[in-house]
Protein backbone atom coordinates (compact mmCIF):
# COMPACT_ATOMS: atom_id res chain seq x y z
CA MET A 1 143.74 117.63 64.54
CA PRO A 2 146.17 119.13 62.09
CA SER A 3 147.38 116.48 59.72
CA THR A 4 151.11 116.15 59.18
CA SER A 5 153.34 114.13 56.98
CA PRO A 6 156.81 112.88 57.83
CA ASP A 7 157.95 114.19 54.49
CA GLN A 8 157.26 117.75 55.56
CA GLY A 9 160.46 117.88 57.58
CA ASP A 10 160.67 121.15 59.50
CA ASP A 11 157.52 122.58 57.89
CA LEU A 12 155.21 121.82 60.82
CA GLU A 13 151.90 123.42 61.76
CA ALA A 14 151.56 126.70 63.59
CA CYS A 15 151.03 124.75 66.81
CA VAL A 16 154.52 123.31 66.49
CA LEU A 17 157.27 125.73 67.45
CA ARG A 18 160.32 126.33 65.32
CA PHE A 19 163.39 125.64 67.39
CA SER A 20 167.18 125.58 67.21
CA ASP A 21 168.91 122.38 66.18
CA LEU A 22 169.54 120.82 69.58
CA ASP A 23 171.45 117.57 69.65
CA LEU A 24 169.18 115.14 71.48
CA LYS A 25 170.86 111.92 72.52
CA ASP A 26 170.40 109.13 70.01
CA ILE A 27 168.46 106.45 71.81
CA SER A 28 166.65 103.48 70.35
CA LEU A 29 162.97 102.96 71.04
CA THR A 30 162.40 100.50 73.83
CA ASN A 31 161.25 97.14 72.47
CA PRO A 32 159.78 98.40 69.19
CA SER A 33 157.22 96.01 67.79
CA SER A 34 158.02 94.02 64.70
CA CYS A 35 155.00 95.62 63.05
CA LEU A 36 156.41 99.07 63.68
CA LYS A 37 159.80 98.06 62.29
CA ALA A 38 158.19 96.68 59.17
CA GLU A 39 156.11 99.80 58.62
CA LEU A 40 159.13 102.08 58.94
CA ASP A 41 161.63 100.10 56.88
CA GLY A 42 163.33 102.19 54.20
CA SER A 43 162.68 105.60 55.73
CA THR A 44 163.05 104.94 59.46
CA LYS A 45 165.65 107.64 59.98
CA LYS A 46 163.57 110.32 58.29
CA LYS A 47 160.38 109.40 60.10
CA TYR A 48 162.16 109.17 63.45
CA SER A 49 163.66 112.64 62.96
CA PHE A 50 160.23 114.05 62.11
CA ALA A 51 158.56 112.32 65.05
CA LYS A 52 161.24 113.48 67.48
CA LYS A 53 160.93 117.09 66.31
CA LYS A 54 157.16 117.01 66.56
CA ALA A 55 157.29 115.46 70.06
CA PHE A 56 159.82 118.06 71.18
CA ALA A 57 157.84 120.97 69.74
CA LEU A 58 154.51 119.81 71.21
CA PHE A 59 156.12 119.39 74.63
CA VAL A 60 157.52 122.93 74.49
CA LYS A 61 154.13 124.23 73.36
CA THR A 62 152.46 122.87 76.50
CA LYS A 63 154.85 124.97 78.62
CA GLU A 64 154.07 128.25 76.87
CA ILE A 65 152.45 130.99 78.97
CA PRO A 66 150.44 133.69 77.17
CA ALA A 67 150.69 137.34 78.18
CA LYS A 68 148.00 138.05 80.77
CA ARG A 69 147.55 141.79 80.39
CA ASN A 70 148.64 142.74 76.91
CA PHE A 71 147.27 140.45 74.24
CA GLU A 72 148.99 142.51 71.55
CA CYS A 73 152.41 141.60 72.93
CA LYS A 74 153.98 139.02 70.67
CA GLU A 75 156.75 138.00 73.04
CA LYS A 76 156.45 134.50 74.43
CA TRP A 77 157.69 132.94 77.65
CA TRP A 78 157.59 129.49 79.11
CA LYS A 79 157.35 127.90 82.55
CA CYS A 80 158.62 124.42 83.40
CA CYS A 81 159.84 122.73 86.60
CA GLN A 82 159.03 125.93 88.52
CA GLN A 83 161.41 127.91 86.29
CA SER A 84 160.62 130.71 83.84
CA PHE A 85 162.22 131.01 80.40
CA THR A 86 162.04 134.13 78.24
CA ASP A 87 163.73 132.87 75.08
CA GLN A 88 163.41 129.75 72.95
CA ILE A 89 167.02 128.66 73.26
CA SER A 90 166.87 128.40 77.06
CA ILE A 91 163.54 126.50 77.15
CA HIS A 92 164.76 124.16 74.40
CA ARG A 93 168.00 123.48 76.24
CA HIS A 94 166.07 122.80 79.46
CA VAL A 95 163.64 120.39 77.77
CA ALA A 96 166.45 118.59 75.93
CA THR A 97 168.47 118.03 79.10
CA GLN A 98 165.76 117.54 81.71
CA HIS A 99 162.86 115.90 79.85
CA ALA A 100 164.53 113.52 77.42
CA GLY A 101 162.47 110.61 78.75
CA GLU A 102 159.16 112.29 78.01
CA ILE A 103 160.36 113.30 74.54
CA TYR A 104 161.37 109.72 73.69
CA ALA A 105 158.01 108.37 74.96
CA GLN A 106 156.11 110.88 72.83
CA THR A 107 158.35 110.08 69.86
CA ALA A 108 157.52 106.39 70.15
CA SER A 109 153.81 107.19 70.33
CA ILE A 110 153.97 109.39 67.23
CA LEU A 111 155.90 106.73 65.31
CA LYS A 112 153.25 104.15 66.15
CA GLN A 113 150.56 106.53 64.95
CA LEU A 114 152.43 107.06 61.69
CA ALA A 115 152.65 103.31 61.20
CA ALA A 116 148.94 102.91 61.93
CA ALA A 117 148.11 105.77 59.57
CA LEU A 118 149.96 104.09 56.72
CA SER A 119 147.82 100.98 56.99
CA THR A 120 144.50 102.75 57.57
CA SER A 121 144.79 105.86 55.41
CA LYS A 122 142.07 104.73 53.01
CA SER A 123 139.52 104.02 55.73
CA LEU A 124 140.32 107.30 57.48
CA MET A 125 139.88 109.21 54.24
CA SER A 126 136.49 107.60 53.74
CA ALA A 127 135.44 108.46 57.30
CA ASP A 128 136.55 112.07 56.86
CA GLN A 129 134.45 112.46 53.73
CA LYS A 130 131.40 111.46 55.77
CA ASN A 131 132.19 114.03 58.44
CA PRO A 132 133.12 117.41 56.85
CA GLY A 133 133.44 119.13 60.24
CA LYS A 134 136.01 116.63 61.45
CA GLU A 135 137.91 116.83 58.15
CA CYS A 136 138.05 120.59 58.50
CA LEU A 137 139.49 120.24 61.99
CA MET A 138 142.07 117.67 60.95
CA HIS A 139 143.38 119.88 58.15
CA SER A 140 143.36 123.16 60.07
CA HIS A 141 146.93 124.45 60.20
CA GLU A 142 146.21 127.17 62.76
CA MET A 143 145.58 126.10 66.33
CA SER A 144 144.40 129.65 67.01
CA ALA A 145 141.41 128.90 64.78
CA TRP A 146 140.14 126.58 67.49
CA LEU A 147 140.44 129.10 70.31
CA PRO A 148 137.46 131.32 71.24
CA ASP A 149 137.46 134.99 70.29
CA ILE A 150 137.99 136.94 73.50
CA SER A 151 138.70 140.30 71.87
CA CYS A 152 135.38 141.65 73.15
CA PHE A 153 136.42 140.92 76.76
CA SER A 154 139.11 142.63 78.77
CA PRO A 155 141.67 140.45 80.55
CA ASP A 156 140.14 141.62 83.84
CA GLU A 157 136.75 140.21 82.83
CA LEU A 158 138.26 136.79 82.18
CA ILE A 159 140.31 136.78 85.35
CA SER A 160 137.92 138.53 87.77
CA GLY A 161 135.51 136.35 89.68
CA GLN A 162 137.96 133.47 89.99
CA GLY A 163 137.49 133.39 93.74
CA SER A 164 135.16 131.04 95.58
CA ASP A 165 132.24 133.47 95.29
CA GLY A 166 132.44 134.33 91.61
CA GLY A 167 134.47 131.47 90.17
CA GLU A 168 133.57 127.99 89.05
CA VAL A 169 135.01 124.51 88.66
CA LEU A 170 134.02 122.26 85.75
CA LEU A 171 134.09 118.47 85.96
CA TYR A 172 133.54 116.43 82.80
CA TYR A 173 134.66 113.46 80.76
CA CYS A 174 134.01 112.16 77.28
CA TYR A 175 134.72 108.66 76.05
CA CYS A 176 135.31 108.76 72.28
CA ASP A 177 138.04 107.63 69.91
CA LEU A 178 140.74 110.30 69.47
CA GLU A 179 143.21 109.62 66.68
CA ASP A 180 145.74 112.27 67.73
CA PRO A 181 145.84 112.70 71.52
CA GLN A 182 149.08 114.70 71.27
CA TRP A 183 147.33 117.39 69.24
CA MET A 184 144.39 117.34 71.65
CA CYS A 185 146.83 117.79 74.54
CA ALA A 186 148.46 120.82 72.89
CA TRP A 187 145.06 122.30 72.00
CA GLN A 188 143.70 121.83 75.53
CA THR A 189 146.81 123.48 76.96
CA ALA A 190 146.47 126.43 74.59
CA LEU A 191 142.73 126.69 75.26
CA CYS A 192 143.06 126.68 79.05
CA ARG A 193 145.94 129.18 78.97
CA HIS A 194 143.89 131.35 76.62
CA LEU A 195 141.03 131.42 79.15
CA HIS A 196 143.25 131.58 82.26
CA LEU A 197 141.97 128.22 83.51
CA THR A 198 143.87 125.94 85.88
CA GLY A 199 143.24 122.27 86.65
CA LYS A 200 143.96 118.82 85.29
CA VAL A 201 143.12 117.33 81.90
CA ARG A 202 143.90 113.74 80.91
CA VAL A 203 143.87 112.85 77.21
CA ALA A 204 144.05 109.37 75.65
CA THR A 205 143.01 107.60 72.49
CA GLU A 206 139.85 106.61 74.41
CA GLY A 207 138.78 110.19 75.18
CA ILE A 208 139.29 113.10 77.56
CA ASN A 209 138.78 113.70 81.30
CA GLY A 210 139.02 117.18 82.75
CA THR A 211 138.59 119.27 85.87
CA VAL A 212 139.28 122.98 85.30
CA GLY A 213 138.63 126.11 87.30
CA GLY A 214 138.39 129.82 86.53
CA SER A 215 135.92 132.67 86.22
CA LYS A 216 132.34 131.86 85.21
CA LEU A 217 132.93 133.68 81.92
CA ALA A 218 135.99 131.55 81.20
CA THR A 219 134.28 128.26 82.06
CA ARG A 220 131.24 129.22 79.94
CA LEU A 221 133.50 129.90 76.96
CA TYR A 222 135.33 126.63 77.57
CA VAL A 223 132.07 124.65 77.51
CA GLU A 224 130.96 126.40 74.32
CA VAL A 225 134.23 125.58 72.57
CA MET A 226 134.14 121.94 73.67
CA LEU A 227 130.55 121.52 72.49
CA SER A 228 131.36 123.09 69.11
CA CYS A 229 134.42 120.88 68.52
CA PRO A 230 133.61 118.37 65.73
CA LEU A 231 135.47 115.60 67.57
CA PHE A 232 132.96 115.74 70.44
CA LYS A 233 129.86 116.66 68.43
CA ASP A 234 128.10 113.31 68.81
CA TYR A 235 129.35 112.57 72.31
CA LEU A 236 129.30 115.66 74.57
CA CYS A 237 126.26 117.66 75.66
CA LYS A 238 125.89 120.55 78.08
CA ASP A 239 124.55 118.26 80.80
CA ASP A 240 127.86 116.35 80.81
CA PHE A 241 129.57 119.31 82.49
CA LYS A 242 129.16 119.35 86.27
CA THR A 243 129.71 122.71 87.97
CA SER A 244 130.53 123.74 91.52
CA LYS A 245 131.71 126.87 93.32
CA GLY A 246 135.44 127.41 93.09
CA GLY A 247 137.84 128.94 90.61
CA ALA A 248 141.42 128.93 89.37
CA HIS A 249 142.67 129.04 92.95
CA CYS A 250 141.43 125.48 93.52
CA PHE A 251 144.40 124.11 91.56
CA PRO A 252 148.08 124.95 91.96
CA GLU A 253 148.64 124.94 88.19
CA LEU A 254 147.43 123.63 84.85
CA ARG A 255 148.43 120.06 84.03
CA VAL A 256 147.52 118.53 80.68
CA GLY A 257 148.98 115.19 79.60
CA VAL A 258 148.58 112.19 77.33
CA PHE A 259 147.98 108.84 79.04
CA GLU A 260 146.87 105.35 78.09
CA GLU A 261 143.64 105.74 80.12
CA ILE A 262 141.62 108.84 80.94
CA VAL A 263 141.03 107.37 84.39
CA PRO A 264 143.78 105.06 85.71
CA MET A 265 142.22 101.63 86.25
CA GLY A 266 145.46 99.90 85.29
CA ILE A 267 144.03 97.79 82.47
CA SER A 268 144.53 98.59 78.80
CA PRO A 269 141.40 100.02 77.10
CA SER A 270 141.95 97.41 74.38
CA LYS A 271 141.16 94.70 76.99
CA ILE A 272 138.33 96.38 78.90
CA SER A 273 136.58 98.97 76.76
CA TYR A 274 134.33 101.83 77.77
CA LYS A 275 132.04 100.67 74.96
CA LYS A 276 130.63 97.82 77.11
CA PRO A 277 129.56 99.49 80.37
CA GLY A 278 126.68 98.80 82.74
CA ILE A 279 123.17 100.15 82.29
CA HIS A 280 123.04 103.91 82.93
CA LEU A 281 120.44 105.11 85.44
CA SER A 282 119.43 108.75 85.75
CA PRO A 283 119.63 110.27 89.27
CA GLY A 284 115.85 109.80 89.59
CA GLU A 285 115.98 106.14 88.54
CA PHE A 286 118.98 105.49 90.80
CA HIS A 287 117.18 107.16 93.72
CA LYS A 288 114.22 104.79 93.30
CA GLU A 289 116.52 101.74 93.17
CA VAL A 290 118.32 102.80 96.36
CA GLU A 291 114.98 103.48 98.05
CA LYS A 292 113.78 99.99 97.15
CA PHE A 293 117.05 98.47 98.41
CA LEU A 294 116.96 100.33 101.75
CA SER A 295 113.31 99.39 102.34
CA GLN A 296 114.24 95.69 102.51
CA ALA A 297 114.28 94.29 106.04
CA ASP A 298 117.44 92.20 105.55
CA GLN A 299 119.79 94.04 103.24
CA GLU A 300 122.58 91.46 103.68
CA GLN A 301 120.34 88.80 102.12
CA SER A 302 119.21 91.10 99.33
CA ASP A 303 119.96 90.33 95.70
CA THR A 304 121.20 93.92 95.32
CA ILE A 305 124.58 95.43 96.20
CA LEU A 306 125.10 99.19 96.30
CA LEU A 307 128.78 99.51 95.35
CA ASP A 308 130.95 102.60 95.88
CA CYS A 309 133.74 102.62 93.26
CA ARG A 310 135.79 105.32 94.97
CA ASN A 311 138.81 105.21 97.26
CA PHE A 312 138.47 104.74 101.02
CA TYR A 313 139.29 108.35 101.89
CA GLU A 314 136.45 109.50 99.60
CA SER A 315 133.73 107.25 100.99
CA LYS A 316 134.94 107.92 104.53
CA ILE A 317 133.48 111.44 104.57
CA GLY A 318 130.39 110.78 102.43
CA ARG A 319 128.52 107.79 100.98
CA PHE A 320 125.14 106.29 100.16
CA GLN A 321 123.36 104.60 103.03
CA GLY A 322 123.78 100.82 103.01
CA CYS A 323 126.61 100.83 100.47
CA LEU A 324 129.61 98.54 100.18
CA ALA A 325 132.63 100.87 100.25
CA PRO A 326 135.88 99.01 99.42
CA ASP A 327 138.84 99.90 101.62
CA ILE A 328 141.10 100.53 98.61
CA ARG A 329 143.53 103.40 98.15
CA LYS A 330 143.50 103.74 94.35
CA PHE A 331 141.09 102.97 91.54
CA SER A 332 143.78 100.83 89.93
CA TYR A 333 143.18 98.38 92.82
CA PHE A 334 139.49 98.05 91.91
CA PRO A 335 139.92 95.19 89.38
CA SER A 336 141.91 93.17 91.93
CA TYR A 337 139.27 93.93 94.55
CA ILE A 338 136.58 92.54 92.25
CA ASP A 339 138.66 89.44 91.50
CA LYS A 340 139.35 88.75 95.15
CA ASN A 341 135.69 89.18 96.15
CA LEU A 342 134.04 87.81 93.03
CA GLU A 343 131.72 85.42 94.91
CA LEU A 344 130.21 88.39 96.71
CA PHE A 345 128.74 89.60 93.41
CA ARG A 346 127.52 86.28 92.05
CA GLU A 347 123.86 86.44 90.97
CA LYS A 348 123.55 89.98 92.33
CA ARG A 349 122.13 93.18 90.91
CA VAL A 350 124.90 95.73 91.35
CA LEU A 351 124.24 99.48 91.62
CA MET A 352 127.56 101.28 91.10
CA TYR A 353 128.39 104.92 91.69
CA CYS A 354 131.39 107.26 91.82
CA THR A 355 132.02 111.03 91.89
CA GLY A 356 131.16 112.01 88.32
CA GLY A 357 130.52 108.70 86.57
CA ILE A 358 133.82 108.14 84.79
CA ARG A 359 135.15 105.36 87.03
CA CYS A 360 131.87 103.47 86.69
CA GLU A 361 132.17 103.44 82.89
CA ARG A 362 135.10 101.03 82.87
CA GLY A 363 134.56 99.66 86.37
CA SER A 364 131.12 98.37 85.35
CA ALA A 365 132.59 97.05 82.09
CA TYR A 366 135.15 95.07 84.11
CA LEU A 367 132.52 93.64 86.46
CA LYS A 368 130.23 92.75 83.55
CA ALA A 369 133.08 90.96 81.80
CA LYS A 370 133.35 88.59 84.79
CA GLY A 371 129.91 87.20 83.93
CA VAL A 372 128.76 86.59 87.51
CA CYS A 373 126.22 89.38 88.08
CA LYS A 374 122.55 89.35 87.22
CA GLU A 375 122.71 92.98 86.16
CA VAL A 376 125.14 95.89 86.50
CA PHE A 377 123.84 99.44 86.75
CA GLN A 378 125.68 102.74 87.13
CA LEU A 379 124.67 106.23 88.25
CA LYS A 380 124.79 108.54 85.22
CA GLY A 381 126.61 111.74 86.10
CA GLY A 382 127.77 110.27 89.40
CA ILE A 383 127.16 111.60 92.90
CA HIS A 384 127.64 115.11 91.57
CA LYS A 385 124.49 114.97 89.43
CA TYR A 386 122.56 113.01 92.08
CA LEU A 387 123.18 115.69 94.72
CA GLU A 388 122.11 118.44 92.34
CA GLU A 389 118.71 116.73 92.16
CA PHE A 390 118.55 115.14 95.64
CA PRO A 391 120.70 117.18 98.08
CA ASP A 392 118.82 115.60 101.01
CA GLY A 393 118.49 112.17 99.45
CA PHE A 394 120.18 108.91 100.39
CA TYR A 395 123.73 110.23 100.03
CA LYS A 396 124.96 111.40 103.41
CA GLY A 397 127.99 113.55 104.15
CA LYS A 398 130.38 115.46 101.93
CA LEU A 399 131.47 114.80 98.35
CA PHE A 400 135.23 114.43 98.06
CA VAL A 401 136.88 116.26 95.15
CA PHE A 402 140.43 116.06 93.83
CA ASP A 403 141.50 119.66 94.29
CA GLU A 404 142.43 122.02 97.11
CA ARG A 405 138.81 122.27 98.30
CA TYR A 406 138.91 118.54 99.25
CA ALA A 407 135.12 118.33 99.61
CA LEU A 408 131.79 119.86 98.58
CA THR A 409 128.89 120.27 101.00
CA TYR A 410 125.30 119.54 99.96
CA ASN A 411 123.75 118.52 103.29
CA SER A 412 124.47 118.92 106.99
CA ASP A 413 125.23 115.25 107.70
CA VAL A 414 128.63 114.37 109.18
CA VAL A 415 129.44 110.66 108.78
CA SER A 416 133.13 110.61 109.76
CA GLU A 417 135.05 111.34 112.94
CA CYS A 418 138.31 112.75 114.19
CA SER A 419 141.09 110.18 113.95
CA TYR A 420 142.36 111.07 117.42
CA CYS A 421 139.38 111.72 119.73
CA GLY A 422 136.46 110.27 117.78
CA ALA A 423 134.43 113.48 117.67
CA GLN A 424 132.35 114.11 114.57
CA TRP A 425 134.58 115.74 111.96
CA ASP A 426 134.82 115.63 108.17
CA GLN A 427 137.28 118.34 107.09
CA TYR A 428 140.49 116.92 105.64
CA LYS A 429 143.97 118.38 105.94
CA LEU A 430 147.25 117.08 104.60
CA CYS A 431 149.50 115.30 107.07
CA SER A 432 151.83 117.86 108.66
CA THR A 433 154.88 115.68 108.03
CA PRO A 434 156.87 116.88 104.99
CA GLN A 435 156.37 114.79 101.83
CA CYS A 436 153.58 112.61 103.29
CA ARG A 437 150.53 113.00 101.05
CA GLN A 438 148.05 111.26 103.35
CA LEU A 439 144.87 113.09 104.31
CA VAL A 440 144.04 113.33 107.99
CA LEU A 441 140.82 114.03 109.89
CA THR A 442 141.79 115.91 113.04
CA CYS A 443 139.36 118.23 114.82
CA PRO A 444 140.33 121.74 116.02
CA ALA A 445 140.74 120.56 119.62
CA CYS A 446 143.22 117.84 118.63
CA GLN A 447 145.01 120.18 116.25
CA GLY A 448 145.45 122.55 119.16
CA GLN A 449 147.20 119.75 121.04
CA GLY A 450 149.61 119.24 118.15
CA PHE A 451 147.95 116.17 116.61
CA THR A 452 148.30 117.13 112.95
CA ALA A 453 149.82 114.01 111.35
CA CYS A 454 148.11 110.98 109.82
CA CYS A 455 149.64 108.47 112.26
CA VAL A 456 151.95 108.15 115.26
CA THR A 457 154.96 107.40 113.06
CA CYS A 458 154.48 110.57 111.03
CA GLN A 459 153.79 112.56 114.21
CA ASP A 460 157.13 111.42 115.66
CA LYS A 461 158.97 112.19 112.46
CA GLY A 462 157.35 115.60 112.26
CA SER A 463 158.76 116.48 115.66
CA ARG A 464 162.28 115.78 114.40
CA LYS A 465 164.03 118.05 111.95
CA ALA A 466 164.08 116.26 108.59
CA SER A 467 167.01 116.54 106.23
CA GLY A 468 168.74 114.57 103.48
CA PRO A 469 167.85 110.92 102.88
CA THR A 470 165.63 110.74 105.98
CA GLN A 471 163.20 113.24 104.51
CA ASP A 472 163.03 111.29 101.25
CA SER A 473 162.10 108.12 103.14
CA PHE A 474 159.14 109.65 105.00
CA LYS A 475 156.61 108.30 102.51
CA GLU A 476 157.96 104.79 102.89
CA GLU A 477 157.56 104.64 106.66
CA CYS A 478 153.94 105.70 107.04
CA GLU A 479 151.82 103.41 109.26
CA CYS A 480 148.61 104.29 107.43
CA THR A 481 149.42 102.19 104.39
CA ALA A 482 151.57 99.61 106.15
CA ARG A 483 148.67 98.35 108.23
CA ARG A 484 146.06 98.39 105.45
CA PRO A 485 145.76 95.29 103.23
CA ARG A 486 146.31 96.32 99.63
CA ILE A 487 143.22 94.40 98.49
CA PRO A 488 140.67 93.68 101.27
CA ARG A 489 138.64 90.47 101.26
CA GLU A 490 135.00 91.22 102.05
CA LEU A 491 133.83 87.59 102.31
CA SER A 492 136.32 86.79 105.07
CA ARG A 493 134.84 89.62 107.11
CA GLN A 494 131.23 88.67 106.55
CA LEU A 495 131.53 84.93 106.99
CA GLY A 496 134.26 84.84 109.61
CA LEU A 497 136.64 83.02 107.28
CA PRO A 498 140.39 83.35 107.80
CA GLY A 499 141.54 86.09 105.49
CA SER A 500 144.94 86.31 103.86
CA PRO A 501 145.68 90.03 103.71
CA GLU A 502 148.55 91.04 101.50
CA PRO A 503 150.77 93.44 103.42
CA GLU A 504 151.42 96.52 101.36
CA PRO A 505 154.67 98.47 101.36
CA ALA A 506 154.06 101.67 103.26
CA VAL A 507 154.18 103.94 100.25
CA CYS A 508 151.73 106.84 100.27
CA GLU A 509 152.61 107.72 96.67
CA ASP A 510 150.77 110.89 95.65
CA GLY A 511 147.72 110.51 97.86
CA PRO A 512 144.68 112.48 96.72
CA TRP A 513 146.30 113.87 93.60
CA LEU A 514 145.77 110.58 91.79
CA VAL A 515 142.21 109.74 90.82
């Protein structure tokens, strides 16, 4: 992470673009902490100007598109909001007028980091001396130094094989403390563009979470670079990268961003840390535990619960036999689900699993923090790694993935059915109604009859021509979320107790595009 000083003014690193003096609106930081004010007293104006310029330049850098065919061409161009820009002035004007909110948020984050750096500079210096590789990275002024050398490959070699037959999709995460997530974001953007990768990468101070697709050559180079990065040296290994058939076509674009959490559970990492998770079980160990659980005559009276941490539309098309699959729409509902059904887990051994393992890291930490379970275990590497080792094991059905493939097939089992006729079917499609992001299971026969929406309400709306405000309100009128309690109560179902479901506004939000 290139180190910068607010006293450097316009002399920023190579990764920070030089840009014309655009007049951004003067806006005060929202509710700045007293600590931040105290740290910046005396030179607030200078530091704010530096932070704003750095935030602006880093944002512009993430929109830069490298030349695909001629690597000797020095001309740059940018793409943002589905528009292309061929000169710096136009992209700067666009960012200044259309993305002021993001710039101010990044500015606030950089200012807080500056304040923290002032109070911890001595300890950081000591830590850097113990880790020469990390120190070298932090003081590297050229972002290009941390991009792989592709001069021995032609552009065609990097791009060819991106299809489903020759391409690949990588799934990985790494929990580790990152001091400069903004730099990591810019580097990841540059790295993925460099290798012609598409996908989604989330960066936070707690680590990184990525799903990227491209040619097998590109994904191999990406893994090599990640493993050689000093920041991940003691945390990432080759086995942490899960692979599946796919390619760049599996994602509409590349999206890299800085967030508070690398997987959105909705609770600050400072309150529930990844550093206190459940006990990790290898696929083989997990398989034995599930086998023991399923061999019990009365599983409802067992002291073990097999808990699926995913969303309902994921477990609907594939799940472990005998699991408890919460009917929740987003992982950010998981903590509330645990709270509402806490008695269900009292004095139980809990076996948790999710797609790749990342949700279990903090999900198990949250459950452990409640102090009601005997033990909390989690499947290391998630379902992905389990199916690599046991494709015909206790997981039945497809594995849902958050890209345009929707699901991966490892066995021939079909555990879901068509929403209209009840025939066995497990291939998702998006609701045919404009703007509705719900996924629908509708078999070919029902599709042929015109049943292509997620519910009757959407089907009716789809038959009417949508325009103006009516189209914008489609998401808010969907039956699918209106009739589903936001947080289900499992005990009321099992014991016949009167439940008190909380009706949820019928907002489909972004459906499968949010983890």
